[in-house]
Structure formats: C-alpha cells, structure tokens
C-alpha atoms as a PDB file:
ATOM      1  CA  SER A   1      -7.820  -3.360  10.336  1.00  0.00           C
ATOM      2  CA  ALA A   2      -6.811  -2.196   6.872  1.00  0.00           C
ATOM      3  CA  VAL A   3      -8.165  -2.480   3.351  1.00  0.00           C
ATOM      4  CA  LEU A   4      -5.637  -3.531   0.738  1.00  0.00           C
ATOM      5  CA  PRO A   5      -6.829  -2.819  -2.813  1.00  0.00           C
ATOM      6  CA  ALA A   6      -6.483  -5.614  -5.392  1.00  0.00           C
ATOM      7  CA  ASN A   7      -3.106  -5.841  -7.172  1.00  0.00           C
ATOM      8  CA  SER A   8      -1.419  -3.586  -4.620  1.00  0.00           C
ATOM      9  CA  ARG A   9       1.129  -3.706  -1.829  1.00  0.00           C
ATOM     10  CA  GLN A  10       1.327  -2.120   1.645  1.00  0.00           C
ATOM     11  CA  THR A  11       4.110  -1.778   4.214  1.00  0.00           C
ATOM     12  CA  TRP A  12       3.579  -1.427   7.963  1.00  0.00           C
ATOM     13  CA  LYS A  13       6.503  -0.548  10.233  1.00  0.00           C
ATOM     14  CA  ALA A  14       6.271  -2.789  13.304  1.00  0.00           C
ATOM     15  CA  ASN A  15       8.184  -0.205  15.371  1.00  0.00           C
ATOM     16  CA  ASP A  16       5.154   2.076  15.104  1.00  0.00           C
ATOM     17  CA  TYR A  17       3.088  -0.499  17.022  1.00  0.00           C
ATOM     18  CA  VAL A  18       5.412  -2.428  19.393  1.00  0.00           C
ATOM     19  CA  THR A  19       8.825  -2.138  21.041  1.00  0.00           C
ATOM     20  CA  SER A  20      10.178  -5.551  21.990  1.00  0.00           C
ATOM     21  CA  TRP A  21      13.021  -7.913  21.115  1.00  0.00           C
ATOM     22  CA  ASN A  22      10.514 -10.723  20.534  1.00  0.00           C
ATOM     23  CA  VAL A  23       8.047  -9.620  17.877  1.00  0.00           C
ATOM     24  CA  SER A  24       6.148 -11.672  15.354  1.00  0.00           C
ATOM     25  CA  THR A  25       3.071 -10.843  13.353  1.00  0.00           C
ATOM     26  CA  GLN A  26      -0.053 -12.796  12.513  1.00  0.00           C
ATOM     27  CA  ILE A  27      -1.993 -11.628   9.475  1.00  0.00           C
ATOM     28  CA  GLN A  28      -5.620 -12.528   8.858  1.00  0.00           C
ATOM     29  CA  SER A  29      -7.350 -11.708   5.596  1.00  0.00           C
ATOM     30  CA  ASP A  30     -10.660 -12.446   3.919  1.00  0.00           C
ATOM     31  CA  LYS A  31      -8.773 -12.969   0.608  1.00  0.00           C
ATOM     32  CA  PRO A  32      -5.440 -14.700  -0.181  1.00  0.00           C
ATOM     33  CA  VAL A  33      -2.431 -12.424   0.387  1.00  0.00           C
ATOM     34  CA  ALA A  34       1.342 -12.842   0.246  1.00  0.00           C
ATOM     35  CA  ALA A  35       3.163 -11.625   3.344  1.00  0.00           C
ATOM     36  CA  GLU A  36       6.812 -11.096   4.138  1.00  0.00           C
ATOM     37  CA  ARG A  37       8.819  -9.625   6.987  1.00  0.00           C
ATOM     38  CA  ALA A  38      11.857  -7.407   6.414  1.00  0.00           C
ATOM     39  CA  MET A  39      14.216  -6.363   9.184  1.00  0.00           C
ATOM     40  CA  TYR A  40      16.904  -3.641   9.158  1.00  0.00           C
ATOM     41  CA  ASN A  41      19.331  -2.430  11.780  1.00  0.00           C
ATOM     42  CA  THR A  42      19.223   1.263  12.657  1.00  0.00           C
ATOM     43  CA  ALA A  43      22.274   2.102  10.493  1.00  0.00           C
ATOM     44  CA  ARG A  44      20.883  -0.026   7.634  1.00  0.00           C
ATOM     45  CA  THR A  45      24.233  -1.813   7.304  1.00  0.00           C
ATOM     46  CA  TRP A  46      22.415  -5.154   7.271  1.00  0.00           C
ATOM     47  CA  ALA A  47      18.961  -6.399   6.506  1.00  0.00           C
ATOM     48  CA  HIS A  48      17.152  -9.687   6.042  1.00  0.00           C
ATOM     49  CA  ASP A  49      13.772 -10.821   4.873  1.00  0.00           C
ATOM     50  CA  SER A  50      11.539 -13.859   5.159  1.00  0.00           C
ATOM     51  CA  ILE A  51       8.328 -14.949   3.555  1.00  0.00           C
ATOM     52  CA  GLY A  52       5.311 -15.639   5.738  1.00  0.00           C
ATOM     53  CA  VAL A  53       4.281 -19.129   6.821  1.00  0.00           C
ATOM     54  CA  THR A  54       0.716 -20.393   6.431  1.00  0.00           C
ATOM     55  CA  TYR A  55       0.866 -23.354   8.815  1.00  0.00           C
ATOM     56  CA  THR A  56       2.112 -24.477  12.203  1.00  0.00           C
ATOM     57  CA  ALA A  57       3.897 -27.745  12.949  1.00  0.00           C
ATOM     58  CA  ASP A  58       5.202 -29.803  15.865  1.00  0.00           C
ATOM     59  CA  ARG A  59       8.596 -30.381  14.180  1.00  0.00           C
ATOM     60  CA  TRP A  60      10.740 -27.842  12.338  1.00  0.00           C
ATOM     61  CA  LEU A  61      14.155 -28.237  10.715  1.00  0.00           C
ATOM     62  CA  LEU A  62      16.421 -25.228  10.196  1.00  0.00           C
ATOM     63  CA  PRO A  63      19.199 -26.418   7.880  1.00  0.00           C
ATOM     64  CA  GLU A  64      21.870 -23.741   8.131  1.00  0.00           C
ATOM     65  CA  GLY A  65      23.727 -21.792  10.769  1.00  0.00           C
ATOM     66  CA  ALA A  66      27.187 -21.048  12.142  1.00  0.00           C
ATOM     67  CA  THR A  67      28.342 -19.895  15.550  1.00  0.00           C
ATOM     68  CA  ALA A  68      32.159 -20.015  15.175  1.00  0.00           C
ATOM     69  CA  GLY A  69      34.407 -17.430  13.571  1.00  0.00           C
ATOM     70  CA  GLY A  70      32.317 -14.415  14.568  1.00  0.00           C
ATOM     71  CA  PHE A  71      29.037 -15.750  13.164  1.00  0.00           C
ATOM     72  CA  GLU A  72      25.858 -15.356  15.214  1.00  0.00           C
ATOM     73  CA  THR A  73      22.797 -17.556  14.775  1.00  0.00           C
ATOM     74  CA  PHE A  74      19.345 -17.149  16.289  1.00  0.00           C
ATOM     75  CA  VAL A  75      16.348 -19.504  16.302  1.00  0.00           C
ATOM     76  CA  LEU A  76      13.033 -17.658  16.428  1.00  0.00           C
ATOM     77  CA  VAL A  77       9.862 -19.469  17.471  1.00  0.00           C
ATOM     78  CA  GLN A  78       6.319 -18.121  17.324  1.00  0.00           C
ATOM     79  CA  ASN A  79       3.332 -19.721  19.026  1.00  0.00           C
ATOM     80  CA  PRO A  80       0.289 -18.263  17.237  1.00  0.00           C
ATOM     81  CA  GLY A  81      -2.122 -20.513  19.135  1.00  0.00           C
ATOM     82  CA  ALA A  82      -3.935 -19.811  22.379  1.00  0.00           C
ATOM     83  CA  ASN A  83      -2.384 -22.726  24.326  1.00  0.00           C
ATOM     84  CA  PRO A  84       1.206 -22.951  25.593  1.00  0.00           C
ATOM     85  CA  ALA A  85       3.669 -25.046  23.569  1.00  0.00           C
ATOM     86  CA  THR A  86       6.597 -26.902  25.125  1.00  0.00           C
ATOM     87  CA  LEU A  87       9.808 -26.721  23.067  1.00  0.00           C
ATOM     88  CA  ASP A  88      12.797 -29.071  22.833  1.00  0.00           C
ATOM     89  CA  ILE A  89      15.641 -27.866  20.620  1.00  0.00           C
ATOM     90  CA  THR A  90      18.578 -29.928  19.336  1.00  0.00           C
ATOM     91  CA  PHE A  91      21.532 -28.549  17.379  1.00  0.00           C
ATOM     92  CA  MET A  92      23.205 -30.721  14.748  1.00  0.00           C
ATOM     93  CA  THR A  93      26.940 -29.926  14.579  1.00  0.00           C
ATOM     94  CA  SER A  94      30.129 -31.283  13.014  1.00  0.00           C
ATOM     95  CA  GLY A  95      30.579 -33.357  16.183  1.00  0.00           C
ATOM     96  CA  GLY A  96      26.996 -34.647  16.314  1.00  0.00           C
ATOM     97  CA  PRO A  97      23.797 -33.562  18.071  1.00  0.00           C
ATOM     98  CA  VAL A  98      23.997 -31.084  20.973  1.00  0.00           C
ATOM     99  CA  PRO A  99      20.998 -30.585  23.263  1.00  0.00           C
ATOM    100  CA  GLY A 100      19.715 -27.029  23.398  1.00  0.00           C
ATOM    101  CA  PRO A 101      16.836 -25.680  25.450  1.00  0.00           C
ATOM    102  CA  THR A 102      14.490 -28.439  26.614  1.00  0.00           C
ATOM    103  CA  GLY A 103      11.096 -28.154  28.218  1.00  0.00           C
ATOM    104  CA  TYR A 104      10.851 -24.453  27.414  1.00  0.00           C
ATOM    105  CA  VAL A 105       7.204 -23.387  27.722  1.00  0.00           C
ATOM    106  CA  LEU A 106       6.215 -20.773  25.160  1.00  0.00           C
ATOM    107  CA  ALA A 107       2.972 -19.031  26.090  1.00  0.00           C
ATOM    108  CA  GLY A 108       0.173 -18.782  23.570  1.00  0.00           C
ATOM    109  CA  HIS A 109       0.223 -15.825  21.186  1.00  0.00           C
ATOM    110  CA  SER A 110       3.917 -15.146  21.892  1.00  0.00           C
ATOM    111  CA  ARG A 111       7.400 -15.427  20.433  1.00  0.00           C
ATOM    112  CA  ILE A 112      10.901 -16.189  21.723  1.00  0.00           C
ATOM    113  CA  THR A 113      14.433 -15.848  20.360  1.00  0.00           C
ATOM    114  CA  PHE A 114      17.158 -18.379  21.203  1.00  0.00           C
ATOM    115  CA  TYR A 115      20.799 -17.302  20.727  1.00  0.00           C
ATOM    116  CA  VAL A 116      22.356 -20.495  19.375  1.00  0.00           C
ATOM    117  CA  ASN A 117      25.880 -19.315  20.283  1.00  0.00           C
ATOM    118  CA  ASP A 118      24.959 -19.889  23.945  1.00  0.00           C
ATOM    119  CA  TRP A 119      24.865 -23.646  23.290  1.00  0.00           C
ATOM    120  CA  VAL A 120      27.356 -24.447  20.512  1.00  0.00           C
ATOM    121  CA  THR A 121      30.455 -23.087  18.758  1.00  0.00           C
ATOM    122  CA  ASP A 122      30.735 -24.597  15.288  1.00  0.00           C
ATOM    123  CA  PHE A 123      30.844 -23.541  11.647  1.00  0.00           C
ATOM    124  CA  ASN A 124      28.218 -26.204  10.875  1.00  0.00           C
ATOM    125  CA  VAL A 125      25.003 -25.875  12.869  1.00  0.00           C
ATOM    126  CA  SER A 126      21.513 -26.938  11.919  1.00  0.00           C
ATOM    127  CA  THR A 127      18.559 -27.078  14.265  1.00  0.00           C
ATOM    128  CA  GLU A 128      15.581 -29.283  15.057  1.00  0.00           C
ATOM    129  CA  VAL A 129      12.716 -27.755  17.027  1.00  0.00           C
ATOM    130  CA  MET A 130      10.144 -30.130  18.509  1.00  0.00           C
ATOM    131  CA  SER A 131       7.003 -28.784  20.162  1.00  0.00           C
ATOM    132  CA  THR A 132       3.915 -30.123  21.891  1.00  0.00           C
ATOM    133  CA  GLY A 133       1.809 -27.516  20.114  1.00  0.00           C
ATOM    134  CA  GLY A 134       1.918 -26.060  16.634  1.00  0.00           C
ATOM    135  CA  VAL A 135       4.594 -23.379  16.282  1.00  0.00           C
ATOM    136  CA  ILE A 136       6.400 -21.522  13.475  1.00  0.00           C
ATOM    137  CA  CYS A 137      10.212 -21.340  13.257  1.00  0.00           C
ATOM    138  CA  GLU A 138      12.863 -19.381  11.425  1.00  0.00           C
ATOM    139  CA  ARG A 139      16.618 -18.901  11.640  1.00  0.00           C
ATOM    140  CA  ALA A 140      18.447 -15.549  11.483  1.00  0.00           C
ATOM    141  CA  MET A 141      22.195 -15.362  10.997  1.00  0.00           C
ATOM    142  CA  TYR A 142      24.658 -12.455  11.171  1.00  0.00           C
ATOM    143  CA  GLY A 143      28.341 -12.178  10.324  1.00  0.00           C
ATOM    144  CA  ASN A 144      31.392  -9.970  10.085  1.00  0.00           C
ATOM    145  CA  GLY A 145      30.459  -7.784  13.060  1.00  0.00           C
ATOM    146  CA  ARG A 146      26.837  -7.655  11.890  1.00  0.00           C
ATOM    147  CA  THR A 147      27.678  -6.054   8.571  1.00  0.00           C
ATOM    148  CA  TRP A 148      25.496  -8.635   6.820  1.00  0.00           C
ATOM    149  CA  ALA A 149      22.571 -10.859   7.731  1.00  0.00           C
ATOM    150  CA  HIS A 150      20.208 -13.408   6.270  1.00  0.00           C
ATOM    151  CA  ASP A 151      17.152 -15.295   7.398  1.00  0.00           C
ATOM    152  CA  SER A 152      15.154 -18.354   6.435  1.00  0.00           C
ATOM    153  CA  ILE A 153      11.940 -19.983   7.524  1.00  0.00           C
ATOM    154  CA  GLY A 154      12.198 -23.568   8.624  1.00  0.00           C
ATOM    155  CA  TYR A 155      11.003 -26.733   6.944  1.00  0.00           C
ATOM    156  CA  ALA A 156       8.261 -28.764   8.590  1.00  0.00           C
ATOM    157  CA  PRO A 157       8.404 -32.350   7.269  1.00  0.00           C
END
C-alpha cells in the first residue's frame, strides 16, 4: 500500500518485488490514477512502454507485428480475474490466418507470454486473442538484434 499525493508521480521497480519472465501488475486506487509500464533491458539499449488498461475483454486485436527478417514479436496476456480463462490465438499473416495456441488455460491472477515466432514467419503479423474469461492483451516487438523495441496494448472491439 502506498499514498500518492495529488498532482504527483511515483515509480516502483518491479524487480524489487518479483523475479519472473511473466509479470503483470494490477493497480487498485480509491481515486482515479493514470498508470503505465516501462520496460528496459539490462544494458538499456532498448526500452518500451505501455499505458495501463482499465477493462478486460473476451476478444482482443493486436494490429501489428513481424516475425521475419530478425524481428521478434510477443503476445502478452494477463488474467486479472480469479477464474481460469481459456485462450485461442489466431495470427493474421500475408498468406491468411494461422492458428496459434488453442485451448490454453491461463490460471486466475496470472500472466503468460507467447513468442509469435514459434508459429509464423512473416513481415505482416497481427493477432486475435479470444478468451472464455476477461483478459488483457498487449504486443511487444523487438528488432535489429534487440537494439530497439516497442509495445502496444490491444484493442477490444
């Protein structure tokens, strides 16, 4: 628990609290706050940032990604609820839809990362995530030997 004075900002380093590849954060506040997540590699040669999401959804669209030419793309899914959520992921490519993980059960209050390169190799990759329970999705992408990175939350229609 922390008190954040009005008109101020605070940073917490997740590494001080957890050590895991699959980390997400849920923030609860008695007043409206704006939250974001920044991520840096240890050499600080790349970084990316994403705003927080205030809702869960059963369908998420992640419009950009690439897995050819040395690009790496990751789909990150958080289940902030108490109940498990079953995930079905489809990748949209230049050649049409490609099935990704199907029937993946994501435990409540947990997060998973999917390495899109394991399923497709294409310069044009977008993603649809369907779930049986409300989840939150984002896409992280890295290029040029991980000398740069960017990230985006998904869109829930």
